[in-house]
N, C-alpha and C. Protein backbone atom coordinates (compact mmCIF):
# COMPACT_ATOMS: atom_id res chain seq x y z
N MET A 1 1.15 -8.84 -22.29
CA MET A 1 1.75 -8.61 -20.99
C MET A 1 3.24 -8.97 -21.11
N ASN A 2 4.10 -8.00 -20.78
CA ASN A 2 5.53 -8.27 -20.86
C ASN A 2 6.01 -8.99 -19.60
N VAL A 3 7.28 -9.34 -19.59
CA VAL A 3 7.85 -10.13 -18.49
C VAL A 3 7.75 -9.40 -17.16
N THR A 4 8.02 -8.11 -17.14
CA THR A 4 7.96 -7.33 -15.90
C THR A 4 6.54 -7.29 -15.36
N GLU A 5 5.57 -7.04 -16.24
CA GLU A 5 4.18 -7.01 -15.80
C GLU A 5 3.75 -8.37 -15.27
N ARG A 6 4.20 -9.43 -15.92
CA ARG A 6 3.86 -10.78 -15.48
C ARG A 6 4.45 -11.06 -14.10
N GLN A 7 5.70 -10.64 -13.87
CA GLN A 7 6.34 -10.85 -12.58
C GLN A 7 5.62 -10.07 -11.47
N ILE A 8 5.25 -8.85 -11.79
CA ILE A 8 4.52 -8.04 -10.81
C ILE A 8 3.17 -8.68 -10.49
N SER A 9 2.46 -9.11 -11.52
CA SER A 9 1.16 -9.75 -11.32
C SER A 9 1.28 -11.00 -10.47
N LEU A 10 2.25 -11.84 -10.77
CA LEU A 10 2.44 -13.06 -9.98
C LEU A 10 2.79 -12.74 -8.53
N SER A 11 3.63 -11.74 -8.35
CA SER A 11 4.02 -11.34 -7.01
C SER A 11 2.81 -10.86 -6.20
N VAL A 12 1.98 -10.04 -6.83
CA VAL A 12 0.78 -9.54 -6.16
C VAL A 12 -0.16 -10.68 -5.80
N LEU A 13 -0.38 -11.60 -6.74
CA LEU A 13 -1.28 -12.72 -6.48
C LEU A 13 -0.73 -13.66 -5.41
N GLU A 14 0.57 -13.89 -5.40
CA GLU A 14 1.17 -14.74 -4.37
C GLU A 14 1.01 -14.09 -2.99
N ARG A 15 1.24 -12.80 -2.94
CA ARG A 15 1.08 -12.08 -1.67
C ARG A 15 -0.37 -12.13 -1.19
N LEU A 16 -1.30 -11.94 -2.12
CA LEU A 16 -2.71 -11.99 -1.78
C LEU A 16 -3.08 -13.38 -1.26
N ARG A 17 -2.59 -14.41 -1.93
CA ARG A 17 -2.87 -15.78 -1.50
C ARG A 17 -2.36 -15.99 -0.07
N ASP A 18 -1.15 -15.54 0.21
CA ASP A 18 -0.58 -15.68 1.56
C ASP A 18 -1.37 -14.87 2.59
N ASP A 19 -1.78 -13.66 2.21
CA ASP A 19 -2.53 -12.80 3.12
C ASP A 19 -3.90 -13.38 3.45
N LEU A 20 -4.52 -14.05 2.49
CA LEU A 20 -5.89 -14.54 2.69
C LEU A 20 -5.97 -15.65 3.73
N ILE A 21 -4.87 -16.30 4.02
CA ILE A 21 -4.89 -17.35 5.04
C ILE A 21 -5.29 -16.76 6.40
N TYR A 22 -4.79 -15.57 6.70
CA TYR A 22 -5.04 -14.93 7.98
C TYR A 22 -5.89 -13.67 7.87
N ALA A 23 -6.45 -13.43 6.69
CA ALA A 23 -7.13 -12.16 6.42
C ALA A 23 -8.37 -11.97 7.28
N ARG A 24 -8.52 -10.76 7.76
CA ARG A 24 -9.73 -10.33 8.48
C ARG A 24 -10.11 -8.96 7.93
N LEU A 25 -11.41 -8.74 7.83
CA LEU A 25 -11.89 -7.42 7.43
C LEU A 25 -11.71 -6.46 8.60
N ASN A 26 -11.87 -5.18 8.34
CA ASN A 26 -11.74 -4.18 9.41
C ASN A 26 -12.70 -4.45 10.57
N ASN A 27 -13.85 -5.08 10.28
CA ASN A 27 -14.81 -5.37 11.35
C ASN A 27 -14.50 -6.67 12.08
N GLY A 28 -13.38 -7.33 11.72
CA GLY A 28 -12.95 -8.54 12.40
C GLY A 28 -13.45 -9.83 11.78
N LYS A 29 -14.34 -9.72 10.81
CA LYS A 29 -14.91 -10.89 10.16
C LYS A 29 -13.90 -11.53 9.21
N PRO A 30 -13.81 -12.85 9.16
CA PRO A 30 -12.89 -13.48 8.21
C PRO A 30 -13.38 -13.35 6.77
N VAL A 31 -12.47 -13.43 5.82
CA VAL A 31 -12.83 -13.38 4.40
C VAL A 31 -13.32 -14.77 4.01
N ILE A 32 -14.61 -14.86 3.67
CA ILE A 32 -15.22 -16.16 3.39
C ILE A 32 -15.65 -16.30 1.92
N ASP A 33 -16.20 -15.23 1.34
CA ASP A 33 -16.73 -15.34 0.00
C ASP A 33 -16.24 -14.18 -0.87
N VAL A 34 -16.71 -14.14 -2.10
CA VAL A 34 -16.24 -13.13 -3.06
C VAL A 34 -16.52 -11.70 -2.60
N PRO A 35 -17.73 -11.39 -2.10
CA PRO A 35 -17.93 -10.02 -1.59
C PRO A 35 -16.96 -9.66 -0.46
N ASP A 36 -16.66 -10.62 0.41
CA ASP A 36 -15.67 -10.37 1.47
C ASP A 36 -14.30 -10.11 0.87
N LEU A 37 -13.94 -10.88 -0.16
CA LEU A 37 -12.65 -10.68 -0.82
C LEU A 37 -12.59 -9.29 -1.44
N ARG A 38 -13.66 -8.88 -2.09
CA ARG A 38 -13.71 -7.54 -2.70
C ARG A 38 -13.53 -6.48 -1.62
N GLN A 39 -14.24 -6.63 -0.50
CA GLN A 39 -14.13 -5.67 0.60
C GLN A 39 -12.71 -5.66 1.16
N TYR A 40 -12.11 -6.83 1.32
CA TYR A 40 -10.74 -6.92 1.84
C TYR A 40 -9.76 -6.18 0.93
N ILE A 41 -9.91 -6.37 -0.38
CA ILE A 41 -9.02 -5.70 -1.35
C ILE A 41 -9.21 -4.19 -1.27
N TYR A 42 -10.46 -3.72 -1.19
CA TYR A 42 -10.71 -2.28 -1.07
C TYR A 42 -10.08 -1.72 0.21
N GLU A 43 -10.22 -2.45 1.31
CA GLU A 43 -9.64 -1.98 2.57
C GLU A 43 -8.12 -1.91 2.49
N ARG A 44 -7.50 -2.91 1.88
CA ARG A 44 -6.03 -2.89 1.72
C ARG A 44 -5.60 -1.72 0.83
N MET A 45 -6.33 -1.50 -0.26
CA MET A 45 -6.00 -0.39 -1.16
C MET A 45 -6.12 0.94 -0.43
N ASP A 46 -7.17 1.09 0.37
CA ASP A 46 -7.35 2.33 1.14
C ASP A 46 -6.19 2.54 2.11
N ARG A 47 -5.75 1.45 2.78
CA ARG A 47 -4.61 1.57 3.68
C ARG A 47 -3.36 2.02 2.94
N ILE A 48 -3.12 1.45 1.78
CA ILE A 48 -1.94 1.81 0.99
C ILE A 48 -2.03 3.27 0.56
N ARG A 49 -3.21 3.70 0.10
CA ARG A 49 -3.37 5.10 -0.31
C ARG A 49 -3.18 6.05 0.86
N THR A 50 -3.73 5.70 2.02
CA THR A 50 -3.60 6.55 3.20
C THR A 50 -2.15 6.69 3.61
N LYS A 51 -1.42 5.58 3.61
CA LYS A 51 0.00 5.64 3.96
C LYS A 51 0.77 6.47 2.95
N ALA A 52 0.45 6.32 1.67
CA ALA A 52 1.15 7.09 0.64
C ALA A 52 0.86 8.58 0.79
N LEU A 53 -0.39 8.92 1.08
CA LEU A 53 -0.73 10.34 1.24
C LEU A 53 -0.06 10.93 2.47
N SER A 54 -0.04 10.19 3.57
CA SER A 54 0.58 10.72 4.78
C SER A 54 2.09 10.84 4.59
N PHE A 55 2.70 9.89 3.89
CA PHE A 55 4.13 9.97 3.62
C PHE A 55 4.43 11.15 2.70
N SER A 56 3.58 11.34 1.69
CA SER A 56 3.76 12.45 0.77
C SER A 56 3.62 13.78 1.50
N ALA A 57 2.63 13.88 2.37
CA ALA A 57 2.43 15.11 3.13
C ALA A 57 3.62 15.37 4.05
N MET A 58 4.16 14.32 4.65
CA MET A 58 5.31 14.47 5.53
C MET A 58 6.53 14.99 4.75
N ASN A 59 6.69 14.54 3.53
CA ASN A 59 7.84 14.96 2.72
C ASN A 59 7.69 16.36 2.17
N HIS A 60 6.53 16.95 2.28
CA HIS A 60 6.32 18.30 1.75
C HIS A 60 6.22 19.35 2.84
N THR A 61 6.56 18.99 4.07
CA THR A 61 6.55 19.99 5.13
C THR A 61 7.79 20.87 4.99
N PRO A 62 7.70 22.14 5.35
CA PRO A 62 8.85 23.04 5.22
C PRO A 62 10.07 22.56 6.01
N GLU A 63 9.86 21.97 7.18
CA GLU A 63 10.98 21.52 7.99
C GLU A 63 11.77 20.43 7.26
N PHE A 64 11.05 19.51 6.63
CA PHE A 64 11.71 18.41 5.93
C PHE A 64 12.46 18.95 4.71
N ARG A 65 11.83 19.83 3.96
CA ARG A 65 12.49 20.36 2.76
C ARG A 65 13.76 21.12 3.14
N ASN A 66 13.70 21.89 4.21
CA ASN A 66 14.87 22.66 4.61
C ASN A 66 16.00 21.76 5.10
N SER A 67 15.65 20.66 5.76
CA SER A 67 16.68 19.76 6.26
C SER A 67 17.33 18.98 5.13
N GLN A 68 16.66 18.85 4.01
CA GLN A 68 17.22 18.12 2.88
C GLN A 68 18.00 19.02 1.93
N ARG A 69 17.90 20.32 2.13
CA ARG A 69 18.59 21.27 1.26
C ARG A 69 20.07 21.35 1.62
N PRO A 70 20.97 21.27 0.64
CA PRO A 70 22.39 21.39 0.96
C PRO A 70 22.72 22.77 1.52
N PRO A 71 23.74 22.87 2.34
CA PRO A 71 24.09 24.17 2.93
C PRO A 71 24.58 25.14 1.86
N ASN A 72 24.37 26.42 2.11
CA ASN A 72 24.86 27.46 1.18
C ASN A 72 26.32 27.74 1.45
N ASN A 73 27.16 27.26 0.57
CA ASN A 73 28.61 27.48 0.71
C ASN A 73 29.12 28.46 -0.33
N VAL A 74 28.23 29.22 -0.91
CA VAL A 74 28.62 30.14 -1.98
C VAL A 74 29.11 31.44 -1.43
């Protein structure tokens, strides 16, 4: 593991540790044991994927692409 990977890993684990203090599953239940932790991680990953997909879809709409295109000055 190189220095960058180590820094990323530590950052992720620190964030997870901080999040677990107030963590709740989607059903409102607190994270108490390992299965709850696994479920919490899956739910967070799904949220991240959903946001990434919606952002990606937003960036591929024709209106957005046309607004980002430089004007034709030729």
